[in-house]
N, C-alpha and C. Protein backbone atom coordinates (compact mmCIF):
# COMPACT_ATOMS: atom_id res chain seq x y z
N VAL A 1 1.47 -1.44 -0.36
CA VAL A 1 0.13 0.04 0.07
C VAL A 1 0.88 1.10 0.24
N MET A 2 1.85 1.26 0.54
CA MET A 2 3.29 1.63 0.69
C MET A 2 3.68 2.70 -0.72
N LEU A 3 3.55 1.61 -1.15
CA LEU A 3 4.73 1.84 -2.59
C LEU A 3 3.85 2.42 -3.37
N ALA A 4 1.95 1.94 -3.50
CA ALA A 4 1.39 2.63 -4.26
C ALA A 4 1.21 3.82 -4.21
N LYS A 5 1.09 4.51 -2.77
CA LYS A 5 1.02 5.72 -2.57
C LYS A 5 2.23 6.57 -2.64
N GLU A 6 3.23 5.75 -2.77
CA GLU A 6 5.01 6.83 -3.16
C GLU A 6 4.51 6.60 -5.07
N TRP A 7 3.83 5.85 -5.46
CA TRP A 7 3.68 5.78 -7.19
C TRP A 7 2.94 7.02 -7.35
N LEU A 8 2.04 6.88 -6.87
CA LEU A 8 0.38 7.60 -7.12
C LEU A 8 1.05 9.21 -6.72
N LEU A 9 1.80 9.38 -5.86
CA LEU A 9 2.44 11.26 -5.41
C LEU A 9 3.41 11.71 -6.41
N LEU A 10 4.43 10.35 -7.20
CA LEU A 10 5.05 10.37 -8.10
C LEU A 10 4.25 10.98 -9.52
N LEU A 11 2.91 10.01 -9.69
CA LEU A 11 2.82 10.09 -10.98
C LEU A 11 2.44 11.43 -10.83
N ALA A 12 1.22 12.04 -9.77
CA ALA A 12 1.00 13.61 -9.64
C ALA A 12 1.95 14.49 -9.80
N PHE A 13 3.35 14.39 -8.97
CA PHE A 13 4.18 15.34 -9.27
C PHE A 13 4.59 15.78 -10.98
N SER A 14 4.80 14.55 -11.67
CA SER A 14 4.98 14.40 -13.04
C SER A 14 4.48 15.26 -13.82
N LEU A 15 2.80 14.77 -13.69
CA LEU A 15 1.96 15.60 -14.36
C LEU A 15 1.87 16.76 -14.14
N SER A 16 2.32 16.97 -12.95
CA SER A 16 2.29 18.57 -13.03
C SER A 16 3.47 19.20 -13.08
N LEU A 17 4.64 18.88 -13.20
CA LEU A 17 5.35 19.11 -13.91
C LEU A 17 5.20 19.26 -15.69
N ALA A 18 4.38 18.11 -16.17
CA ALA A 18 4.30 18.30 -17.57
C ALA A 18 3.15 19.24 -18.14
N GLY A 19 2.07 19.87 -17.06
CA GLY A 19 1.76 21.03 -17.22
C GLY A 19 2.47 22.26 -17.31
N ALA A 20 3.47 22.30 -16.61
CA ALA A 20 4.14 23.08 -16.61
C ALA A 20 4.44 23.70 -18.12
N GLN A 21 4.66 22.96 -18.71
CA GLN A 21 5.29 22.85 -20.54
C GLN A 21 4.37 23.48 -21.00
N LYS A 22 4.13 24.45 -21.63
CA LYS A 22 3.08 25.43 -22.14
C LYS A 22 3.75 25.45 -23.45
N THR A 23 2.47 25.88 -24.81
CA THR A 23 2.80 25.59 -26.20
C THR A 23 2.96 27.18 -26.48
N LEU A 24 3.10 27.17 -27.78
CA LEU A 24 3.12 28.61 -27.77
C LEU A 24 1.59 29.08 -28.07
N GLU A 25 0.92 28.05 -28.75
CA GLU A 25 -0.48 28.58 -28.90
C GLU A 25 -1.01 28.62 -27.60
N GLU A 26 -0.81 28.29 -26.21
CA GLU A 26 -1.07 28.51 -25.14
C GLU A 26 -1.29 29.75 -24.15
N VAL A 27 -0.07 30.53 -25.14
CA VAL A 27 0.47 31.90 -24.32
C VAL A 27 -0.89 32.95 -25.06
N PRO A 28 -1.08 34.22 -24.53
CA PRO A 28 -2.04 34.90 -25.25
C PRO A 28 -1.32 35.55 -25.77
N VAL A 29 -2.06 36.19 -26.57
CA VAL A 29 -1.89 37.58 -27.49
C VAL A 29 -2.26 39.08 -27.89
N GLN A 30 -2.19 39.81 -27.39
CA GLN A 30 -2.96 41.23 -27.11
C GLN A 30 -3.80 41.62 -28.40
N LEU A 31 -5.29 41.79 -28.77
CA LEU A 31 -6.02 41.80 -29.44
C LEU A 31 -6.19 43.48 -29.71
N GLY A 32 -5.51 43.57 -31.18
CA GLY A 32 -5.87 44.90 -31.32
C GLY A 32 -4.24 45.54 -31.89
N PHE A 33 -3.03 44.78 -31.18
CA PHE A 33 -1.79 45.01 -30.91
C PHE A 33 -1.54 46.11 -32.16
N ASP A 34 -0.70 47.12 -31.67
CA ASP A 34 0.17 48.11 -32.15
C ASP A 34 1.40 48.35 -32.10
N ALA A 35 2.63 47.56 -33.24
CA ALA A 35 3.46 47.54 -33.29
C ALA A 35 4.38 49.19 -32.32
N HIS A 36 3.74 49.98 -33.39
CA HIS A 36 4.34 51.60 -33.41
C HIS A 36 3.92 52.10 -31.84
N LYS A 37 2.85 51.81 -31.41
CA LYS A 37 3.02 52.31 -30.21
C LYS A 37 3.69 51.68 -29.37
N VAL A 38 4.58 50.80 -29.36
CA VAL A 38 5.33 50.30 -28.22
C VAL A 38 6.92 50.60 -28.76
N GLU A 39 7.11 51.61 -29.44
CA GLU A 39 8.25 52.01 -29.42
C GLU A 39 8.89 52.93 -28.55
N GLY A 40 10.25 52.93 -28.76
CA GLY A 40 10.58 53.90 -27.52
C GLY A 40 11.36 52.86 -26.10
N ARG A 41 11.52 53.40 -25.08
CA ARG A 41 12.36 53.82 -23.73
C ARG A 41 11.05 52.47 -22.80
N TRP A 42 11.90 51.41 -22.67
CA TRP A 42 10.88 50.50 -21.62
C TRP A 42 12.09 50.40 -19.91
N LEU A 43 11.16 50.21 -19.02
CA LEU A 43 12.33 49.66 -17.99
C LEU A 43 11.57 48.34 -17.67
N THR A 44 12.68 47.62 -16.99
CA THR A 44 11.94 45.99 -16.97
C THR A 44 11.41 46.12 -15.18
N VAL A 45 10.42 46.03 -15.58
CA VAL A 45 9.74 45.53 -13.33
C VAL A 45 9.72 44.61 -13.28
N GLN A 46 9.77 43.44 -13.78
CA GLN A 46 9.10 41.94 -13.26
C GLN A 46 10.03 40.98 -14.57
N LEU A 47 10.79 39.84 -13.63
CA LEU A 47 11.17 39.04 -14.68
C LEU A 47 11.00 37.74 -14.17
N ALA A 48 10.47 36.79 -15.28
CA ALA A 48 10.50 35.69 -14.57
C ALA A 48 10.90 34.82 -15.78
N THR A 49 11.25 33.55 -15.42
CA THR A 49 11.60 32.20 -16.43
C THR A 49 11.68 30.42 -16.26
N SER A 50 11.46 29.73 -17.11
CA SER A 50 11.35 28.31 -16.83
C SER A 50 12.30 27.52 -16.17
N HIS A 51 13.58 28.30 -16.18
CA HIS A 51 14.93 27.85 -15.60
C HIS A 51 15.07 28.21 -14.75
N THR A 52 15.70 27.54 -13.97
CA THR A 52 16.03 28.00 -12.37
C THR A 52 17.34 28.33 -12.32
N ASP A 53 18.10 27.98 -13.81
CA ASP A 53 19.49 28.51 -13.24
C ASP A 53 19.35 29.92 -13.75
N LEU A 54 18.38 30.34 -14.55
CA LEU A 54 18.46 31.56 -15.08
C LEU A 54 18.07 32.51 -13.98
N VAL A 55 17.67 32.15 -13.33
CA VAL A 55 17.48 33.04 -11.87
C VAL A 55 18.60 33.54 -10.34
N LEU A 56 19.37 33.00 -10.56
CA LEU A 56 20.80 33.20 -9.71
C LEU A 56 21.27 34.58 -9.37
N PRO A 57 20.92 35.23 -8.16
CA PRO A 57 21.36 36.28 -8.14
C PRO A 57 22.50 36.83 -8.13
N ASP A 58 23.85 35.72 -7.86
CA ASP A 58 24.74 36.13 -7.82
C ASP A 58 25.84 35.84 -9.26
N ASP A 59 24.90 35.74 -10.31
CA ASP A 59 25.21 35.16 -11.95
C ASP A 59 25.90 36.90 -12.50
N PRO A 60 26.61 36.86 -13.06
CA PRO A 60 27.58 38.06 -13.49
C PRO A 60 27.18 38.43 -14.62
N LEU A 61 26.19 37.60 -15.02
CA LEU A 61 25.43 38.46 -16.40
C LEU A 61 24.07 38.60 -16.68
N ARG A 62 23.86 40.11 -17.13
CA ARG A 62 23.08 40.50 -17.11
C ARG A 62 22.03 41.25 -18.35
N LEU A 63 21.01 41.35 -18.31
CA LEU A 63 20.59 41.39 -20.16
C LEU A 63 19.77 42.24 -19.69
N SER A 64 19.29 43.38 -20.71
CA SER A 64 18.38 44.21 -19.65
C SER A 64 17.74 45.32 -20.91
N LEU A 65 16.35 44.99 -21.40
CA LEU A 65 15.96 45.83 -22.59
C LEU A 65 15.44 47.27 -22.28
N HIS A 66 16.28 48.00 -23.68
CA HIS A 66 16.47 48.97 -23.40
C HIS A 66 15.08 49.66 -23.56
N SER A 67 15.18 49.47 -25.18
CA SER A 67 13.87 50.19 -25.71
C SER A 67 13.69 48.91 -27.18
N ILE A 68 12.18 49.35 -27.76
CA ILE A 68 12.19 48.82 -28.67
C ILE A 68 12.07 49.87 -29.81
N GLN A 69 12.44 49.38 -31.28
CA GLN A 69 12.21 50.41 -32.30
C GLN A 69 11.55 49.53 -33.86
N THR A 70 10.52 50.17 -34.38
CA THR A 70 9.76 49.10 -35.62
C THR A 70 10.42 49.55 -36.96
N ARG A 71 10.50 49.00 -37.60
CA ARG A 71 11.08 48.85 -39.22
C ARG A 71 9.89 49.70 -40.15
N ASP A 72 10.17 49.88 -41.24
CA ASP A 72 8.57 50.20 -42.33
C ASP A 72 8.50 48.24 -42.46
N SER A 73 9.30 47.66 -42.34
CA SER A 73 9.01 46.15 -43.27
C SER A 73 8.03 44.86 -41.61
N GLY A 74 7.78 45.75 -40.73
CA GLY A 74 7.08 44.85 -40.23
C GLY A 74 8.08 44.66 -39.01
N ASP A 75 8.98 44.64 -39.55
CA ASP A 75 10.19 44.05 -38.16
C ASP A 75 10.06 44.58 -37.14
N ILE A 76 10.43 44.07 -36.26
CA ILE A 76 10.88 45.14 -34.77
C ILE A 76 11.97 44.48 -34.48
N ASP A 77 12.51 45.79 -33.30
CA ASP A 77 14.27 45.76 -33.26
C ASP A 77 14.33 45.65 -31.53
N PHE A 78 14.89 44.91 -31.00
CA PHE A 78 14.62 45.12 -29.34
C PHE A 78 16.39 45.36 -29.08
N VAL A 79 16.65 46.60 -28.76
CA VAL A 79 17.71 47.00 -28.49
C VAL A 79 17.80 46.76 -26.57
N LEU A 80 18.94 45.91 -26.92
CA LEU A 80 19.16 45.20 -25.42
C LEU A 80 20.59 45.70 -24.56
N PHE A 81 20.86 45.72 -23.85
CA PHE A 81 22.19 45.88 -22.76
C PHE A 81 22.24 44.66 -22.01
N GLU A 82 23.86 43.97 -22.24
CA GLU A 82 24.26 43.06 -21.61
C GLU A 82 25.43 43.39 -20.82
N LYS A 83 25.32 43.11 -19.54
CA LYS A 83 26.56 43.28 -18.96
C LYS A 83 26.86 42.05 -17.90
N GLY A 84 28.05 41.65 -18.92
CA GLY A 84 28.77 41.03 -17.63
C GLY A 84 30.21 41.38 -17.46
N GLU A 85 30.93 40.80 -16.31
CA GLU A 85 32.55 41.12 -15.91
C GLU A 85 32.61 42.59 -15.79
N GLY A 86 31.69 43.14 -15.76
CA GLY A 86 31.88 44.82 -15.74
C GLY A 86 31.87 45.28 -17.30
N VAL A 87 31.63 45.07 -17.77
CA VAL A 87 31.65 45.32 -19.36
C VAL A 87 29.94 46.04 -20.09
N CYS A 88 29.87 46.59 -19.85
CA CYS A 88 28.43 46.46 -20.78
C CYS A 88 28.16 46.77 -22.41
N THR A 89 27.46 46.16 -22.99
CA THR A 89 27.61 46.10 -24.51
C THR A 89 26.10 46.12 -24.73
N GLY A 90 25.94 46.85 -25.84
CA GLY A 90 24.43 46.36 -26.48
C GLY A 90 24.50 45.55 -27.73
N VAL A 91 23.03 45.48 -27.77
CA VAL A 91 22.73 44.19 -28.88
C VAL A 91 21.12 44.30 -29.14
N ASN A 92 21.56 43.85 -30.40
CA ASN A 92 20.31 44.48 -31.47
C ASN A 92 19.62 42.95 -31.61
N VAL A 93 18.37 43.07 -31.34
CA VAL A 93 17.90 41.41 -31.81
C VAL A 93 16.74 41.82 -32.91
N THR A 94 16.25 41.37 -33.82
CA THR A 94 15.03 41.92 -34.92
C THR A 94 14.75 40.55 -34.75
N VAL A 95 13.30 40.84 -34.88
CA VAL A 95 11.79 39.33 -35.17
C VAL A 95 11.22 39.86 -36.14
N HIS A 96 10.24 39.10 -36.69
CA HIS A 96 9.91 39.21 -38.28
C HIS A 96 8.32 39.10 -37.75
N PRO A 97 7.66 39.55 -38.24
CA PRO A 97 6.31 39.25 -38.41
C PRO A 97 6.01 37.71 -38.68
N THR A 98 4.95 37.13 -37.90
CA THR A 98 4.61 35.59 -38.42
C THR A 98 3.69 35.28 -39.25
N GLY A 99 2.60 36.84 -39.54
CA GLY A 99 1.61 36.76 -40.24
C GLY A 99 0.58 36.93 -39.19
N LEU A 100 0.54 36.69 -38.07
CA LEU A 100 0.00 36.31 -36.70
C LEU A 100 0.04 37.81 -35.98
N GLN A 101 -0.93 38.08 -35.79
CA GLN A 101 -1.36 39.25 -34.85
C GLN A 101 -0.41 39.49 -33.75
N GLY A 102 0.34 40.24 -33.69
CA GLY A 102 1.01 40.30 -32.01
C GLY A 102 2.08 39.11 -31.84
N GLN A 103 2.76 38.65 -33.28
CA GLN A 103 3.74 37.05 -32.96
C GLN A 103 4.57 37.99 -33.77
N TYR A 104 5.83 37.43 -33.16
CA TYR A 104 7.33 37.92 -33.97
C TYR A 104 7.87 36.67 -33.76
N GLN A 105 8.96 36.30 -34.72
CA GLN A 105 10.14 35.31 -34.72
C GLN A 105 11.39 35.66 -35.27
N GLY A 106 12.58 35.42 -34.96
CA GLY A 106 13.84 35.41 -35.51
C GLY A 106 14.68 34.28 -34.94
N THR A 107 15.83 35.02 -35.95
CA THR A 107 16.70 33.48 -35.53
C THR A 107 17.74 34.22 -34.55
N PHE A 108 18.55 33.38 -34.18
CA PHE A 108 20.04 34.28 -33.70
C PHE A 108 21.06 32.93 -33.77
N GLU A 109 22.67 33.05 -33.41
CA GLU A 109 23.29 31.76 -33.56
C GLU A 109 22.99 30.69 -32.76
N GLY A 110 22.42 29.74 -33.60
CA GLY A 110 22.24 28.17 -32.37
C GLY A 110 21.01 28.25 -32.53
N GLY A 111 19.82 29.14 -32.48
CA GLY A 111 18.63 29.19 -32.38
C GLY A 111 17.71 29.88 -32.28
N ARG A 112 16.50 29.86 -32.46
CA ARG A 112 15.40 30.65 -32.94
C ARG A 112 14.74 31.51 -31.81
N MET A 113 14.04 32.31 -31.76
CA MET A 113 13.11 32.75 -30.64
C MET A 113 11.89 33.17 -31.21
N HIS A 114 10.45 33.14 -30.85
CA HIS A 114 9.18 33.70 -30.55
C HIS A 114 9.37 34.54 -29.62
N VAL A 115 8.30 35.57 -30.07
CA VAL A 115 8.11 36.89 -29.36
C VAL A 115 6.65 37.24 -29.47
N HIS A 116 5.69 36.79 -28.24
CA HIS A 116 4.42 36.72 -28.33
C HIS A 116 3.92 38.52 -27.27
N PHE A 117 3.34 39.23 -27.86
CA PHE A 117 3.36 41.11 -26.88
C PHE A 117 1.99 40.44 -26.49
N VAL A 118 2.09 39.99 -25.20
CA VAL A 118 0.25 39.63 -24.61
C VAL A 118 -0.18 40.28 -23.89
N SER A 119 -0.17 41.50 -23.25
CA SER A 119 -1.01 41.94 -22.82
C SER A 119 -0.54 43.91 -23.29
N THR A 120 -0.57 45.00 -23.21
CA THR A 120 -0.17 46.20 -23.06
C THR A 120 -1.67 46.94 -23.06
N ASP A 121 -0.85 48.54 -22.33
CA ASP A 121 -1.98 49.46 -22.38
C ASP A 121 -1.01 50.76 -23.13
N TYR A 122 0.32 50.13 -23.96
CA TYR A 122 1.87 50.97 -24.26
C TYR A 122 2.00 51.64 -23.62
N SER A 123 1.35 52.04 -21.90
CA SER A 123 2.32 51.90 -20.78
C SER A 123 2.88 51.10 -19.89
N ASN A 124 2.55 50.35 -20.37
CA ASN A 124 2.81 48.96 -19.37
C ASN A 124 2.85 48.29 -20.66
N LEU A 125 3.57 46.25 -20.59
CA LEU A 125 3.64 45.75 -21.14
C LEU A 125 3.90 44.68 -20.82
N ILE A 126 3.26 43.57 -21.18
CA ILE A 126 3.73 41.95 -20.68
C ILE A 126 4.09 41.20 -22.28
N LEU A 127 5.44 40.52 -22.21
CA LEU A 127 6.31 40.53 -23.19
C LEU A 127 6.49 38.56 -22.69
N TYR A 128 5.80 37.76 -23.54
CA TYR A 128 6.68 36.39 -23.86
C TYR A 128 7.29 36.34 -24.52
N VAL A 129 8.82 35.78 -24.50
CA VAL A 129 9.78 35.28 -25.22
C VAL A 129 10.40 33.75 -25.42
N ARG A 130 9.92 33.11 -25.96
CA ARG A 130 10.10 31.56 -26.04
C ARG A 130 12.12 31.62 -26.77
N ILE A 131 12.66 31.07 -25.97
CA ILE A 131 14.09 30.62 -27.05
C ILE A 131 14.00 29.40 -27.24
N GLU A 132 14.42 28.82 -28.38
CA GLU A 132 14.35 27.53 -28.41
C GLU A 132 15.88 27.49 -29.38
N ASP A 133 17.00 26.79 -28.45
CA ASP A 133 18.60 26.30 -28.47
C ASP A 133 18.14 24.91 -28.48
N ASN A 134 19.51 24.82 -27.97
CA ASN A 134 19.66 23.38 -27.10
C ASN A 134 18.26 22.90 -26.10
N GLU A 135 17.66 23.77 -25.87
CA GLU A 135 16.60 23.60 -25.16
C GLU A 135 15.71 24.71 -24.89
N VAL A 136 14.64 24.17 -24.69
CA VAL A 136 13.59 25.57 -24.57
C VAL A 136 13.60 25.84 -23.39
N THR A 137 13.79 27.68 -23.36
CA THR A 137 13.18 28.42 -22.34
C THR A 137 12.34 29.48 -22.27
N SER A 138 11.51 29.46 -21.57
CA SER A 138 10.16 30.63 -21.47
C SER A 138 11.14 32.10 -20.93
N LEU A 139 10.86 32.88 -21.46
CA LEU A 139 10.98 34.51 -20.64
C LEU A 139 9.67 35.25 -20.72
N TRP A 140 9.57 35.47 -19.51
CA TRP A 140 8.27 36.68 -19.15
C TRP A 140 8.79 38.24 -18.87
N THR A 141 8.45 39.33 -18.64
CA THR A 141 8.80 39.98 -18.17
C THR A 141 7.14 40.98 -18.54
N LEU A 142 7.53 41.91 -17.21
CA LEU A 142 6.66 43.51 -17.29
C LEU A 142 7.69 44.20 -17.53
N LEU A 143 7.02 45.14 -18.19
CA LEU A 143 7.55 46.77 -18.79
C LEU A 143 7.41 47.71 -18.18
N ALA A 144 7.59 48.50 -18.26
CA ALA A 144 6.95 50.02 -17.78
C ALA A 144 7.32 51.20 -18.66
N ARG A 145 6.97 52.45 -19.02
CA ARG A 145 7.01 53.70 -19.40
C ARG A 145 8.22 54.06 -18.16
N ARG A 146 7.68 54.10 -17.05
CA ARG A 146 8.17 54.89 -15.73
C ARG A 146 7.88 53.97 -14.40
N MET A 147 8.77 54.41 -13.61
CA MET A 147 8.43 53.64 -12.55
C MET A 147 7.79 54.79 -11.64
N PRO A 148 6.77 54.06 -10.46
CA PRO A 148 7.06 52.89 -10.33
C PRO A 148 5.99 52.17 -10.92
N GLU A 149 6.07 50.89 -10.75
CA GLU A 149 4.90 49.96 -11.46
C GLU A 149 3.56 50.19 -10.95
N ASP A 150 2.81 50.07 -12.08
CA ASP A 150 1.31 49.90 -11.78
C ASP A 150 0.70 48.25 -10.76
N PRO A 151 0.22 48.34 -9.89
CA PRO A 151 -0.12 47.20 -9.10
C PRO A 151 -1.22 46.40 -10.47
N THR A 152 -1.92 47.31 -10.86
CA THR A 152 -2.68 46.58 -11.59
C THR A 152 -2.00 45.32 -12.60
N TRP A 153 -1.12 46.12 -12.96
CA TRP A 153 -0.70 45.07 -13.77
C TRP A 153 0.35 44.32 -13.21
N VAL A 154 0.87 44.45 -12.33
CA VAL A 154 1.90 43.29 -11.52
C VAL A 154 1.20 42.05 -11.33
N ARG A 155 -0.29 42.64 -10.83
CA ARG A 155 -1.38 41.06 -10.43
C ARG A 155 -1.50 40.74 -11.77
N GLN A 156 -1.49 41.06 -12.75
CA GLN A 156 -1.70 40.57 -14.19
C GLN A 156 -0.61 39.62 -14.66
N TYR A 157 0.54 40.21 -13.98
CA TYR A 157 1.94 39.27 -14.76
C TYR A 157 2.20 38.76 -14.09
N LEU A 158 1.98 38.50 -12.61
CA LEU A 158 1.63 37.45 -11.48
C LEU A 158 0.65 36.12 -11.58
N ASN A 159 -0.33 36.82 -12.19
CA ASN A 159 -1.08 35.20 -12.72
C ASN A 159 -0.36 34.59 -13.53
N PHE A 160 0.43 35.41 -14.82
CA PHE A 160 0.74 34.34 -15.91
C PHE A 160 2.13 33.76 -15.32
N VAL A 161 2.84 34.27 -14.37
CA VAL A 161 3.94 33.88 -13.85
C VAL A 161 3.29 32.30 -12.81
N GLU A 162 2.55 32.39 -11.94
CA GLU A 162 1.56 30.75 -11.80
C GLU A 162 1.14 30.55 -12.67
N LYS A 163 0.73 30.65 -13.64
CA LYS A 163 -0.31 29.76 -14.29
C LYS A 163 1.02 28.93 -15.33
N PHE A 164 2.07 29.58 -15.79
CA PHE A 164 2.97 28.91 -16.24
C PHE A 164 3.94 28.55 -15.54
N HIS A 165 3.82 27.99 -14.36
CA HIS A 165 5.09 27.96 -13.01
C HIS A 165 6.21 28.08 -13.67
N LEU A 166 6.08 29.60 -13.36
CA LEU A 166 7.96 30.41 -13.53
C LEU A 166 8.29 30.75 -12.92
N HIS A 167 9.69 30.98 -12.87
CA HIS A 167 10.96 31.42 -11.29
C HIS A 167 11.05 32.78 -11.72
N LYS A 168 11.06 33.94 -10.56
CA LYS A 168 11.24 35.06 -10.50
C LYS A 168 12.66 35.39 -10.21
N ALA A 169 13.46 36.64 -11.31
CA ALA A 169 14.47 36.21 -11.96
C ALA A 169 14.94 37.88 -11.50
N PRO A 170 16.00 37.84 -11.08
CA PRO A 170 16.48 39.13 -10.61
C PRO A 170 16.74 40.23 -12.29
N VAL A 171 16.21 41.39 -11.50
CA VAL A 171 15.96 42.63 -12.64
C VAL A 171 17.01 43.50 -12.72
N PHE A 172 17.66 43.71 -13.92
CA PHE A 172 18.54 44.85 -14.41
C PHE A 172 17.71 45.68 -15.09
N ASN A 173 17.95 47.00 -15.18
CA ASN A 173 17.88 48.53 -15.83
C ASN A 173 18.98 48.86 -16.13
N THR A 174 19.32 49.36 -17.54
CA THR A 174 20.55 49.81 -17.68
C THR A 174 20.58 51.41 -17.61
N THR A 175 19.75 52.08 -16.55
CA THR A 175 19.48 53.46 -16.48
C THR A 175 20.92 53.94 -16.26
N GLY A 176 21.81 54.75 -16.77
CA GLY A 176 23.13 55.82 -16.51
C GLY A 176 23.89 54.76 -16.57
N GLN A 177 24.04 53.25 -16.98
CA GLN A 177 24.79 52.34 -16.29
C GLN A 177 25.61 51.61 -18.21
N CYS A 178 25.31 52.00 -18.65
CA CYS A 178 25.59 51.50 -20.48
C CYS A 178 25.66 52.80 -21.37
N PRO A 179 26.38 52.58 -22.54
CA PRO A 179 26.01 53.31 -23.55
C PRO A 179 24.94 53.97 -23.92
N PRO A 180 24.74 55.22 -24.34
CA PRO A 180 23.50 55.63 -25.07
C PRO A 180 23.16 54.45 -25.88
N ALA A 181 21.31 54.20 -26.11
CA ALA A 181 20.96 53.58 -27.07
C ALA A 181 21.52 53.82 -28.41
N SER A 182 21.88 55.02 -29.14
CA SER A 182 22.62 55.56 -30.61
C SER A 182 23.72 55.31 -30.35
N ALA A 183 24.55 54.92 -29.51
CA ALA A 183 25.86 54.19 -29.83
C ALA A 183 25.32 53.13 -30.50
N VAL A 184 24.56 51.84 -30.23
CA VAL A 184 24.81 51.00 -30.44
C VAL A 184 23.88 50.88 -32.58
N TRP A 185 23.39 51.82 -32.81
CA TRP A 185 22.88 51.63 -34.17
C TRP A 185 23.83 51.95 -34.90
């Protein structure tokens, strides 16, 4: 009887982990999304990931979204700053429309990424990024145009964190710590 009970507990745990692996189709997208309205400077308010090894507070590598730009082609450029070992460098990531509203995809050396603009009022933004390389990593972030953050948006974001079984990660913003955005272009 004890062995059967342990087996059922193990099965229940395995099923709950399997439920944590959400597909792209399960991630919502903002209805009526207008990419031009998300252009400009953003601050990271909250960050969560599907992998616990990416949330270590003593990890010397920090990645921060600085701003979002759109192109006439419909592509979106994310201007990121990467800080590691005391050096801060600018990184541009370009994603292309998939043909589905609010959904974009792009490639990078060794993998590809999918981006969903989950929810926005254009002053706050919940962004989902799925990175596929040797493994699949889901990143969710709550962005805002200014601080302090809006508690309504924080609650909405935390509901996604709970629903998708994510781990909160340390937040890094680049205010005054990296070269200006114009230096990366």
